[in-house]
Protein backbone atom coordinates (compact mmCIF):
# COMPACT_ATOMS: atom_id res chain seq x y z
CA MET A 1 -0.27 -0.17 -0.16
CA LYS A 2 1.30 2.86 -1.07
CA LYS A 3 2.22 5.91 1.71
CA THR A 4 0.91 9.32 1.58
CA TYR A 5 2.24 12.30 3.02
CA ASN A 6 0.38 16.14 3.96
CA TYR A 7 3.09 18.16 2.34
CA SER A 8 1.23 21.21 4.57
CA PRO A 9 3.60 21.49 7.49
CA ILE A 10 6.61 21.12 5.13
CA VAL A 11 5.63 24.21 3.12
CA LEU A 12 4.14 26.03 6.17
CA ALA A 13 7.24 25.62 7.82
CA SER A 14 9.75 26.65 4.56
CA CYS A 15 7.30 30.04 4.57
CA LEU A 16 8.12 30.95 7.91
CA GLY A 17 12.22 30.15 7.33
CA LEU A 18 11.69 32.07 4.51
CA LEU A 19 10.47 35.25 6.13
CA VAL A 20 13.07 35.19 9.47
CA LEU A 21 15.76 35.25 6.34
CA PHE A 22 14.21 37.69 4.46
CA PRO A 23 15.18 40.65 6.12
CA LEU A 24 18.67 39.26 7.13
CA VAL A 25 19.18 39.29 3.32
CA ASN A 26 16.77 42.34 2.16
CA ASP A 27 17.51 45.20 4.44
CA SER A 28 14.65 47.31 2.05
CA ARG A 29 13.28 49.65 5.19
CA SER A 30 9.96 49.55 2.75
CA MET A 31 9.72 45.71 2.03
CA MET A 32 10.19 45.26 5.76
CA ILE A 33 7.33 47.63 6.91
CA MET A 34 5.45 46.48 4.43
CA PHE A 35 5.58 42.52 5.80
CA THR A 36 5.28 43.98 9.34
CA GLN A 37 2.15 45.52 8.13
CA ILE A 38 1.11 41.96 6.83
CA PHE A 39 2.19 40.26 10.07
CA ILE A 40 -0.08 42.69 11.70
CA PHE A 41 -3.40 42.55 9.33
CA ALA A 42 -3.04 38.64 9.43
CA VAL A 43 -3.29 38.81 13.10
CA PHE A 44 -6.87 41.13 12.48
CA ALA A 45 -8.11 39.26 9.67
CA MET A 46 -7.21 35.45 11.17
CA SER A 47 -9.17 37.01 14.52
CA TYR A 48 -11.70 37.11 11.59
CA ASP A 49 -11.79 34.32 10.17
CA LEU A 50 -12.52 32.79 13.56
CA LEU A 51 -15.77 34.51 13.39
CA LEU A 52 -16.73 34.08 9.56
CA GLY A 53 -15.06 30.97 9.27
CA TYR A 54 -15.87 28.75 12.04
CA THR A 55 -18.51 29.80 13.38
CA GLY A 56 -20.50 32.28 10.76
CA ILE A 57 -21.44 35.53 12.08
CA VAL A 58 -20.72 38.29 10.20
CA SER A 59 -20.00 40.93 11.71
CA PHE A 60 -19.59 44.32 10.32
CA GLY A 61 -18.22 46.18 13.63
CA HIS A 62 -14.78 44.26 13.94
CA ALA A 63 -13.27 47.15 13.55
CA MET A 64 -14.05 48.72 17.18
CA PHE A 65 -11.99 46.06 18.75
CA PHE A 66 -9.07 47.01 16.31
CA GLY A 67 -9.69 50.77 17.47
CA ILE A 68 -9.56 49.70 21.35
CA GLY A 69 -6.24 48.48 21.05
CA ALA A 70 -5.11 51.02 19.58
CA TYR A 71 -6.52 53.41 21.15
CA SER A 72 -5.52 51.47 25.07
CA THR A 73 -1.87 51.91 23.77
CA GLY A 74 -1.26 54.78 22.21
CA ILE A 75 -3.37 56.23 24.87
CA LEU A 76 -1.74 54.73 28.41
CA LEU A 77 2.34 55.54 26.49
CA ASP A 78 1.72 58.86 25.76
CA ARG A 79 0.72 59.53 29.68
CA VAL A 80 3.77 57.99 30.85
CA ASP A 81 7.67 57.13 30.53
CA PRO A 82 7.85 54.06 27.23
CA THR A 83 9.23 51.22 29.27
CA MET A 84 8.50 47.32 28.56
CA MET A 85 6.10 47.21 31.77
CA TRP A 86 4.18 49.71 30.14
CA LEU A 87 3.98 48.49 26.62
CA VAL A 88 2.90 45.41 27.93
CA LEU A 89 0.19 46.76 30.42
CA SER A 90 -1.58 48.79 27.98
CA ILE A 91 -1.33 45.74 25.37
CA VAL A 92 -2.91 43.66 27.96
CA LEU A 93 -5.46 46.75 28.76
CA GLY A 94 -6.61 46.33 25.51
CA MET A 95 -7.39 43.01 25.85
CA ILE A 96 -9.12 43.84 28.96
CA ILE A 97 -11.69 46.27 27.45
CA ALA A 98 -11.54 44.64 24.13
CA ALA A 99 -12.87 41.29 26.10
CA VAL A 100 -15.47 42.83 28.14
CA VAL A 101 -16.84 44.72 25.01
CA SER A 102 -17.31 42.34 23.43
CA TYR A 103 -18.95 40.51 25.98
CA LEU A 104 -21.23 42.88 26.40
CA VAL A 105 -21.85 43.75 22.93
CA GLY A 106 -21.99 39.38 22.34
CA LEU A 107 -24.58 39.36 24.92
CA LEU A 108 -27.03 42.10 23.37
CA THR A 109 -26.48 41.40 19.66
CA LEU A 110 -26.04 37.70 19.29
CA ARG A 111 -29.61 36.55 19.61
CA LEU A 112 -30.16 39.17 16.45
CA LYS A 113 -30.54 36.76 13.42
CA SER A 114 -28.96 37.51 9.76
CA HIS A 115 -28.55 41.41 9.13
CA PHE A 116 -30.13 42.73 12.24
CA TYR A 117 -26.91 41.72 14.05
CA GLU A 118 -24.63 42.87 11.14
CA MET A 119 -26.27 46.54 11.47
CA LEU A 120 -26.54 46.54 14.89
CA THR A 121 -22.63 45.78 14.99
CA LEU A 122 -21.70 48.59 12.74
CA ALA A 123 -24.02 51.02 14.80
CA LEU A 124 -22.31 50.18 17.67
CA ALA A 125 -18.47 50.68 15.68
CA GLY A 126 -19.97 53.96 15.01
CA LEU A 127 -20.77 55.03 18.14
CA PHE A 128 -17.14 54.18 19.31
CA LEU A 129 -16.31 56.35 16.11
CA VAL A 130 -17.87 59.25 17.51
CA MET A 131 -16.78 58.72 20.77
CA ALA A 132 -13.44 58.93 19.36
CA GLU A 133 -13.74 62.17 17.56
CA LYS A 134 -15.95 63.62 20.32
CA TRP A 135 -13.47 62.68 23.30
CA ARG A 136 -11.38 65.28 22.56
CA SER A 137 -9.02 65.79 25.91
CA LEU A 138 -8.51 62.26 25.33
CA THR A 139 -8.35 60.66 21.86
CA PHE A 140 -7.35 64.49 20.38
CA GLY A 141 -10.49 63.91 17.69
CA ASN A 142 -9.62 63.51 13.99
CA ASP A 143 -6.48 64.33 14.22
CA GLY A 144 -5.07 61.73 16.34
CA PHE A 145 -1.80 61.78 18.14
CA THR A 146 2.00 61.08 18.16
CA PHE A 147 3.46 58.34 21.42
CA ARG A 148 6.73 57.28 22.21
CA VAL A 149 7.39 53.92 22.53
CA PRO A 150 10.08 52.27 24.01
CA ASP A 151 13.74 52.02 22.69
CA PHE A 152 14.04 48.54 21.59
CA LEU A 153 10.72 49.07 18.74
CA LYS A 154 12.77 51.91 16.96
CA ASP A 155 14.97 49.12 15.57
CA ARG A 156 12.40 47.88 12.67
CA LEU A 157 14.19 44.49 12.19
CA THR A 158 13.26 43.54 15.85
CA PHE A 159 9.56 45.16 15.34
CA TYR A 160 9.19 42.81 12.54
CA PHE A 161 10.50 39.45 14.51
CA ILE A 162 8.08 40.68 17.04
CA CYS A 163 5.01 40.67 14.90
CA LEU A 164 6.33 37.50 12.83
CA ILE A 165 6.34 35.91 15.94
CA VAL A 166 2.94 36.80 17.39
CA MET A 167 1.40 36.16 14.27
CA VAL A 168 2.78 32.40 14.28
CA VAL A 169 1.36 32.69 17.98
CA VAL A 170 -1.66 33.21 17.02
CA TYR A 171 -2.48 30.95 14.49
CA LEU A 172 -1.30 28.19 16.60
CA LEU A 173 -3.37 28.80 19.30
CA LEU A 174 -6.71 29.72 16.93
CA LYS A 175 -5.65 25.91 15.48
CA ARG A 176 -5.40 24.59 18.45
CA LEU A 177 -8.17 25.84 19.28
CA THR A 178 -10.50 25.32 15.91
CA ASN A 179 -9.71 22.05 16.41
CA SER A 180 -10.83 21.45 19.91
CA PRO A 181 -14.40 20.64 20.49
CA LEU A 182 -14.77 23.55 21.33
CA GLY A 183 -14.10 24.62 17.55
CA LYS A 184 -16.28 21.62 16.41
CA VAL A 185 -18.95 23.21 18.81
CA LEU A 186 -18.26 26.14 16.39
CA VAL A 187 -18.60 24.68 12.95
CA ALA A 188 -21.98 22.66 14.12
CA VAL A 189 -23.35 26.44 14.92
CA ARG A 190 -22.58 27.76 11.35
CA GLU A 191 -23.28 24.83 9.77
CA ASN A 192 -27.28 24.81 11.40
CA GLU A 193 -27.59 26.69 14.83
CA ASP A 194 -31.06 25.30 15.21
CA ARG A 195 -29.99 21.51 14.83
CA THR A 196 -26.58 22.47 18.02
CA GLN A 197 -29.07 23.64 19.89
CA SER A 198 -31.61 20.73 19.70
CA LEU A 199 -28.89 18.37 20.67
CA GLY A 200 -28.91 20.16 24.18
CA TYR A 201 -26.05 22.54 22.97
CA GLN A 202 -26.13 26.53 24.70
CA THR A 203 -25.15 28.22 21.21
CA LEU A 204 -25.48 31.37 22.39
CA HIS A 205 -22.67 30.91 25.07
CA TYR A 206 -20.61 29.24 22.38
CA LYS A 207 -21.19 32.09 19.86
CA ILE A 208 -20.28 34.58 23.00
CA ILE A 209 -16.97 33.36 23.40
CA ALA A 210 -16.08 33.09 19.96
CA SER A 211 -16.95 36.47 19.92
CA VAL A 212 -14.70 37.36 22.56
CA ILE A 213 -11.65 35.48 21.32
CA ALA A 214 -12.01 36.81 18.45
CA GLY A 215 -12.24 40.25 19.71
CA VAL A 216 -8.89 39.96 21.84
CA PHE A 217 -6.61 39.15 19.33
CA ALA A 218 -8.58 41.56 17.11
CA SER A 219 -7.49 44.36 20.17
CA ILE A 220 -3.13 42.36 19.41
CA ALA A 221 -3.73 43.69 15.96
CA GLY A 222 -4.66 46.94 16.74
CA SER A 223 -1.82 47.95 19.40
CA LEU A 224 0.47 46.36 16.94
CA TYR A 225 -1.00 48.61 14.50
CA VAL A 226 -0.20 52.00 16.28
CA LEU A 227 3.21 50.53 17.21
CA SER A 228 4.20 50.77 13.72
CA LEU A 229 3.30 53.98 12.94
CA ARG A 230 3.69 55.61 16.76
CA PHE A 231 0.24 57.01 15.92
CA VAL A 232 -3.35 56.68 16.53
CA ASN A 233 -6.71 58.45 14.87
CA THR A 234 -9.84 57.73 14.49
CA SER A 235 -9.29 55.56 11.52
CA VAL A 236 -8.67 52.70 13.42
CA PHE A 237 -12.58 52.73 13.91
CA THR A 238 -13.79 53.16 10.37
CA MET A 239 -15.67 50.59 8.44
CA ASP A 240 -12.99 50.47 5.71
CA VAL A 241 -10.34 48.31 8.47
CA THR A 242 -13.23 45.63 9.42
CA LEU A 243 -13.96 45.38 4.99
CA ASP A 244 -10.07 45.21 4.84
CA ALA A 245 -10.14 41.88 7.22
CA LEU A 246 -13.24 40.77 5.22
CA LEU A 247 -11.78 41.18 1.78
CA MET A 248 -8.26 39.32 3.20
CA THR A 249 -10.92 36.38 4.92
CA ILE A 250 -12.75 35.81 1.85
CA ILE A 251 -9.76 36.50 -0.38
CA GLY A 252 -7.58 33.88 1.11
CA GLY A 253 -10.42 31.13 2.57
CA VAL A 254 -12.74 31.27 4.78
CA GLY A 255 -12.43 28.86 7.81
CA THR A 256 -9.30 27.99 7.07
CA LEU A 257 -7.08 30.37 9.17
CA ILE A 258 -4.22 30.41 6.50
CA GLY A 259 -5.85 31.70 3.85
CA PRO A 260 -6.60 35.18 6.09
CA ILE A 261 -2.67 35.20 6.44
CA LEU A 262 -2.41 34.37 2.64
CA GLY A 263 -5.02 37.52 1.53
CA ALA A 264 -3.02 39.60 4.09
CA GLY A 265 0.09 39.37 1.96
CA ILE A 266 -1.76 39.54 -1.07
CA ILE A 267 -4.22 42.58 -0.15
CA GLU A 268 -0.71 44.80 1.60
CA ILE A 269 1.03 43.66 -1.46
CA SER A 270 -1.38 44.45 -4.40
CA HIS A 271 -1.42 48.06 -2.07
CA HIS A 272 2.14 49.12 -2.23
CA GLY A 273 2.77 48.00 -5.79
CA LEU A 274 -0.40 49.34 -7.61
CA SER A 275 0.50 52.78 -5.04
CA GLU A 276 4.16 52.57 -6.37
CA LEU A 277 2.73 52.27 -10.00
CA GLY A 278 0.79 55.35 -9.89
CA LYS A 279 4.24 57.27 -8.88
CA THR A 280 5.19 56.39 -11.76
CA TYR A 281 2.30 55.61 -14.29
CA PRO A 282 -0.47 58.17 -14.07
CA ILE A 283 -2.88 55.64 -15.36
CA PHE A 284 -2.03 53.60 -11.47
CA GLU A 285 -2.82 56.71 -9.72
CA ARG A 286 -6.50 55.78 -9.51
CA TRP A 287 -5.16 52.38 -7.93
CA ILE A 288 -8.21 51.56 -6.70
CA ILE A 289 -10.24 50.57 -9.34
CA PHE A 290 -7.28 47.77 -10.75
CA PHE A 291 -7.58 46.45 -6.87
CA GLY A 292 -10.95 45.82 -7.40
CA ILE A 293 -10.17 44.12 -10.69
CA LEU A 294 -8.09 42.16 -8.94
CA TYR A 295 -10.50 41.55 -6.23
CA ILE A 296 -12.96 40.48 -8.63
CA LEU A 297 -11.31 38.01 -10.77
CA ALA A 298 -9.54 36.62 -7.27
CA VAL A 299 -13.54 35.37 -6.50
CA MET A 300 -14.20 34.69 -9.92
CA PHE A 301 -11.35 31.66 -10.35
CA PHE A 302 -11.10 31.48 -6.38
CA PRO A 303 -15.37 31.29 -5.38
CA ALA A 304 -14.18 29.38 -2.43
CA GLY A 305 -10.84 31.71 -1.75
CA ILE A 306 -7.39 30.85 -2.43
CA VAL A 307 -6.99 28.00 0.08
CA GLY A 308 -10.18 27.04 0.01
CA THR A 309 -10.59 26.21 -3.49
CA LEU A 310 -7.51 24.60 -3.44
CA LYS A 311 -8.36 22.18 -0.62
CA GLY A 312 -11.58 21.06 -2.25
CA LYS A 313 -9.86 20.42 -5.50
CA ARG A 314 -6.92 18.55 -3.69
CA TRP A 315 -10.21 16.90 -1.20
CA LYS A 316 -11.98 15.76 -4.59
CA MET A 317 -8.72 14.64 -6.39
CA LYS A 318 -8.40 12.11 -3.38
CA LYS A 319 -12.15 10.71 -3.85
CA LYS A 320 -11.24 9.94 -7.07
CA LYS A 321 -8.38 8.54 -6.60
CA ASP A 322 -10.39 6.22 -3.67
CA HIS A 323 -12.97 5.45 -5.99
CA GLU A 324 -10.93 4.50 -8.70
CA LYS A 325 -8.77 2.27 -6.04
CA ASP A 326 -12.33 0.13 -5.11
CA LYS A 327 -13.48 -0.01 -8.62
CA GLY A 328 -10.00 -1.69 -9.58
CA ILE A 329 -10.39 -4.16 -6.26
CA THR A 330 -14.09 -4.99 -6.69
CA SER A 331 -13.10 -5.54 -10.34
C-alpha cells in the first residue's frame, strides 16, 4: 500500500523560514515595513475568520476591537514613560477592555439573526468612532496624536520579528482552538444552529466565547498597528478596517486560518505595488479601481478563496483516487 504524505507542514515551515531569512538578506526599509503590516493584519484577519469562517457570524463592527487595542496602547504610552512594563500593560489593558466590550456586545446582539446583527454591530462600531471623535481631551479627535515607544521597538528589524512571532503564536492558538471540541461546536453552530441547539448545546454561549476570543486578538492587532506607526487617530474605528479583514478572509479562504494570512499578504502587496506604480504611471493613480478588478478576478477563479479552492480540488482528487482504488479492488 502506497503511503501518502501531508506536505502542508513542510510548506508552512519553508514559508516561515523564508520570512525569518528575508530581513537578513534584504535591508529594504519599505519592504520590511510592508511585511510587518502583513503580519499585523494577518492577526486581525484570523480573528475575523474565527467569527465568519468557524462560527458563521458576519460582523460589520469588528474594527471597534481593533480600535480599542490601538487607543489603549496609544493613550497609555502617551501619558507614561514608555518602558517594557508599560508597553505590556497597555496591550493587556486593550485585551481586557476588548474582552469586556465583546462580551457585552455579544450578549446584547448575538440573539439577533442575519442582517439585524450585522447592522447593529455596524452601529456600535460607529458609536465608538463618534466617541473617539468627540472625546478630544483623551483622543485628540480626528487629528490623532503621536506617542513614544520603548527604545527596542525603534529598531524596525526587532519589531518585524516581534510581529512575525505574534502572528505565528496566534495562528497556533487558533488552530488548536478550532481543532478542539469547542471548535467543533462552533462549526456545528455555523452549519446548523437550530440543530446544534436541539442537541443540548447553548449556542449563544459558544457564539459569545468566539466573539470574546476574536475581540481580544483583534485588539492585539490594533496595538501592534499603532506601535508600527507611533501614531493613532479615529481611522482605526472606520468601516474600511473591517472591510479589509473581510476581504483578506474571503480572498484567502474562509474557515482556513492560513487563508487570511495569505489574503493579508495579497492585499497589502497589491496596495503597495499599485501605489508605487501610480507614482510612475499616471494610469495607476486610481489604483483602487485596479484593486477592485483584482478582487473580482480572485472571486471568479477562487470562489471559496485561494486556500479553500485548492483544498476543495485536493479533496476531489483524493476522492477520485479512492473511488478508482475501490473500483479496481471490486473488479
